Amino acid sequence: MDECVFCRIAAKEIPATVRREEDDLLAFDDAHPKAPTHVLIIPKSHIASTRELGQGDAALAGRMVLMAAEVARDAGIAERGYRIIVNCGADGGQVVPHLHLHVLGGKPLSGVV
């Protein structure tokens, strides 16, 4: 989708600080971080949200969570703890209509939603 900012980041049309990359997944720093570590993990193909996931996407979704754990280890936040957030739809707080996981850490997150 040409207008999707995350699709454009995945296509390397918009620069981002990439933390990890696989054939079909990309992890990069959030442009508006809410914690010292705030990384987004996206599928490179356009999937609007978790509403669009089907049984055939189970492996992809699982690999996104596994990549989140790798990102946390790479960032040095795995031992103290981190948060993985997935927002779905406007009422769920999803701003960019492209499936993505937020990996946040580097400080206590009890008050961060």
C-alpha atoms as a PDB file:
ATOM      1  CA  MET A   1       0.000   0.000   0.000  1.00  0.00           C
ATOM      2  CA  ASP A   2       1.680   3.157  -1.243  1.00  0.00           C
ATOM      3  CA  GLU A   3       0.140   5.426   1.398  1.00  0.00           C
ATOM      4  CA  CYS A   4       1.032   3.211   4.383  1.00  0.00           C
ATOM      5  CA  VAL A   5       4.011   4.666   6.222  1.00  0.00           C
ATOM      6  CA  PHE A   6       5.076   1.251   7.563  1.00  0.00           C
ATOM      7  CA  CYS A   7       4.930  -0.289   4.082  1.00  0.00           C
ATOM      8  CA  ARG A   8       7.143   2.559   2.903  1.00  0.00           C
ATOM      9  CA  ILE A   9       9.591   1.949   5.771  1.00  0.00           C
ATOM     10  CA  ALA A  10       9.646  -1.777   4.917  1.00  0.00           C
ATOM     11  CA  ALA A  11      10.360  -0.873   1.276  1.00  0.00           C
ATOM     12  CA  LYS A  12      13.241   1.388   2.442  1.00  0.00           C
ATOM     13  CA  GLU A  13      11.512   4.460   0.967  1.00  0.00           C
ATOM     14  CA  ILE A  14      11.464   6.136   4.397  1.00  0.00           C
ATOM     15  CA  PRO A  15      14.558   5.872   6.591  1.00  0.00           C
ATOM     16  CA  ALA A  16      14.366   4.161   9.965  1.00  0.00           C
ATOM     17  CA  THR A  17      16.845   2.847  12.503  1.00  0.00           C
ATOM     18  CA  VAL A  18      16.553  -0.889  11.900  1.00  0.00           C
ATOM     19  CA  ARG A  19      17.181  -3.171  14.885  1.00  0.00           C
ATOM     20  CA  ARG A  20      16.445  -6.543  13.244  1.00  0.00           C
ATOM     21  CA  GLU A  21      15.317  -7.745   9.864  1.00  0.00           C
ATOM     22  CA  GLU A  22      14.136 -11.027   8.387  1.00  0.00           C
ATOM     23  CA  ASP A  23      12.687 -11.805   4.982  1.00  0.00           C
ATOM     24  CA  ASP A  24       9.171 -10.869   6.061  1.00  0.00           C
ATOM     25  CA  LEU A  25       9.646  -8.947   9.344  1.00  0.00           C
ATOM     26  CA  LEU A  26      11.270  -5.652  10.285  1.00  0.00           C
ATOM     27  CA  ALA A  27      12.062  -4.158  13.698  1.00  0.00           C
ATOM     28  CA  PHE A  28      12.888  -0.463  13.923  1.00  0.00           C
ATOM     29  CA  ASP A  29      12.943   2.367  16.458  1.00  0.00           C
ATOM     30  CA  ASP A  30       9.671   4.203  17.049  1.00  0.00           C
ATOM     31  CA  ALA A  31       9.870   7.822  15.833  1.00  0.00           C
ATOM     32  CA  HIS A  32       7.988   8.966  18.960  1.00  0.00           C
ATOM     33  CA  PRO A  33       9.345   6.755  21.766  1.00  0.00           C
ATOM     34  CA  LYS A  34       7.429   6.339  25.016  1.00  0.00           C
ATOM     35  CA  ALA A  35      10.345   4.626  26.806  1.00  0.00           C
ATOM     36  CA  PRO A  36      14.146   4.545  26.483  1.00  0.00           C
ATOM     37  CA  THR A  37      13.717   1.450  24.299  1.00  0.00           C
ATOM     38  CA  HIS A  38      10.719   1.622  21.977  1.00  0.00           C
ATOM     39  CA  VAL A  39      10.956  -0.634  18.944  1.00  0.00           C
ATOM     40  CA  LEU A  40       8.213  -1.498  16.465  1.00  0.00           C
ATOM     41  CA  ILE A  41       7.999  -4.906  14.793  1.00  0.00           C
ATOM     42  CA  ILE A  42       6.020  -5.143  11.549  1.00  0.00           C
ATOM     43  CA  PRO A  43       5.342  -7.702   8.872  1.00  0.00           C
ATOM     44  CA  LYS A  44       6.762  -6.388   5.592  1.00  0.00           C
ATOM     45  CA  SER A  45       3.533  -7.289   3.811  1.00  0.00           C
ATOM     46  CA  HIS A  46       0.543  -5.101   4.592  1.00  0.00           C
ATOM     47  CA  ILE A  47      -1.759  -6.514   7.249  1.00  0.00           C
ATOM     48  CA  ALA A  48      -3.942  -3.764   8.685  1.00  0.00           C
ATOM     49  CA  SER A  49      -4.364  -5.117  12.221  1.00  0.00           C
ATOM     50  CA  THR A  50      -4.917  -8.242  14.272  1.00  0.00           C
ATOM     51  CA  ARG A  51      -8.493  -8.255  12.900  1.00  0.00           C
ATOM     52  CA  GLU A  52      -7.002  -9.279   9.546  1.00  0.00           C
ATOM     53  CA  LEU A  53      -5.024 -12.246  10.894  1.00  0.00           C
ATOM     54  CA  GLY A  54      -6.165 -15.737  10.011  1.00  0.00           C
ATOM     55  CA  GLN A  55      -5.036 -19.271  10.843  1.00  0.00           C
ATOM     56  CA  GLY A  56      -2.488 -19.059   8.031  1.00  0.00           C
ATOM     57  CA  ASP A  57      -0.789 -16.159   9.852  1.00  0.00           C
ATOM     58  CA  ALA A  58      -0.131 -18.043  13.102  1.00  0.00           C
ATOM     59  CA  ALA A  59       3.543 -18.644  12.323  1.00  0.00           C
ATOM     60  CA  LEU A  60       4.067 -15.001  11.340  1.00  0.00           C
ATOM     61  CA  ALA A  61       2.419 -13.752  14.540  1.00  0.00           C
ATOM     62  CA  GLY A  62       4.501 -16.143  16.614  1.00  0.00           C
ATOM     63  CA  ARG A  63       7.699 -15.041  14.917  1.00  0.00           C
ATOM     64  CA  MET A  64       6.801 -11.410  15.651  1.00  0.00           C
ATOM     65  CA  VAL A  65       6.660 -12.247  19.363  1.00  0.00           C
ATOM     66  CA  LEU A  66       9.934 -14.188  19.135  1.00  0.00           C
ATOM     67  CA  MET A  67      11.542 -11.193  17.414  1.00  0.00           C
ATOM     68  CA  ALA A  68      10.298  -9.004  20.286  1.00  0.00           C
ATOM     69  CA  ALA A  69      12.232 -11.204  22.722  1.00  0.00           C
ATOM     70  CA  GLU A  70      15.337 -10.936  20.517  1.00  0.00           C
ATOM     71  CA  VAL A  71      14.988  -7.143  20.339  1.00  0.00           C
ATOM     72  CA  ALA A  72      14.713  -7.005  24.138  1.00  0.00           C
ATOM     73  CA  ARG A  73      17.860  -9.114  24.543  1.00  0.00           C
ATOM     74  CA  ASP A  74      19.731  -6.987  21.980  1.00  0.00           C
ATOM     75  CA  ALA A  75      18.680  -3.783  23.783  1.00  0.00           C
ATOM     76  CA  GLY A  76      19.738  -5.131  27.185  1.00  0.00           C
ATOM     77  CA  ILE A  77      16.245  -4.892  28.683  1.00  0.00           C
ATOM     78  CA  ALA A  78      15.301  -8.565  28.760  1.00  0.00           C
ATOM     79  CA  GLU A  79      16.512  -9.316  32.288  1.00  0.00           C
ATOM     80  CA  ARG A  80      14.791  -6.380  34.017  1.00  0.00           C
ATOM     81  CA  GLY A  81      11.629  -6.693  31.948  1.00  0.00           C
ATOM     82  CA  TYR A  82       9.816  -5.141  29.038  1.00  0.00           C
ATOM     83  CA  ARG A  83       6.347  -4.721  27.627  1.00  0.00           C
ATOM     84  CA  ILE A  84       4.923  -5.915  24.321  1.00  0.00           C
ATOM     85  CA  ILE A  85       1.852  -3.991  23.161  1.00  0.00           C
ATOM     86  CA  VAL A  86      -0.427  -4.619  20.188  1.00  0.00           C
ATOM     87  CA  ASN A  87      -3.139  -2.023  19.539  1.00  0.00           C
ATOM     88  CA  CYS A  88      -6.079  -2.885  17.289  1.00  0.00           C
ATOM     89  CA  GLY A  89      -8.328  -0.264  15.722  1.00  0.00           C
ATOM     90  CA  ALA A  90      -8.977   3.345  16.666  1.00  0.00           C
ATOM     91  CA  ASP A  91     -10.567   2.582  20.049  1.00  0.00           C
ATOM     92  CA  GLY A  92      -7.637   0.291  20.834  1.00  0.00           C
ATOM     93  CA  GLY A  93      -5.158   3.100  20.213  1.00  0.00           C
ATOM     94  CA  GLN A  94      -3.852   1.949  16.828  1.00  0.00           C
ATOM     95  CA  VAL A  95      -2.572   5.023  14.982  1.00  0.00           C
ATOM     96  CA  VAL A  96      -0.956   3.420  11.922  1.00  0.00           C
ATOM     97  CA  PRO A  97      -3.236   0.903  10.174  1.00  0.00           C
ATOM     98  CA  HIS A  98      -0.497  -1.710   9.709  1.00  0.00           C
ATOM     99  CA  LEU A  99      -0.072  -4.552  12.204  1.00  0.00           C
ATOM    100  CA  HIS A 100       2.775  -3.807  14.597  1.00  0.00           C
ATOM    101  CA  LEU A 101       4.099  -4.783  18.016  1.00  0.00           C
ATOM    102  CA  HIS A 102       5.564  -2.205  20.369  1.00  0.00           C
ATOM    103  CA  VAL A 103       8.512  -3.385  22.488  1.00  0.00           C
ATOM    104  CA  LEU A 104       9.050  -0.966  25.366  1.00  0.00           C
ATOM    105  CA  GLY A 105      11.548  -1.034  28.208  1.00  0.00           C
ATOM    106  CA  GLY A 106      14.523   0.571  29.853  1.00  0.00           C
ATOM    107  CA  LYS A 107      12.532   2.039  32.749  1.00  0.00           C
ATOM    108  CA  PRO A 108       9.691   0.948  35.049  1.00  0.00           C
ATOM    109  CA  LEU A 109       6.530   0.890  32.924  1.00  0.00           C
ATOM    110  CA  SER A 110       3.818   0.606  35.561  1.00  0.00           C
ATOM    111  CA  GLY A 111       2.266   3.940  34.518  1.00  0.00           C
ATOM    112  CA  VAL A 112       2.922   3.688  30.781  1.00  0.00           C
ATOM    113  CA  VAL A 113       0.017   2.382  28.744  1.00  0.00           C
END
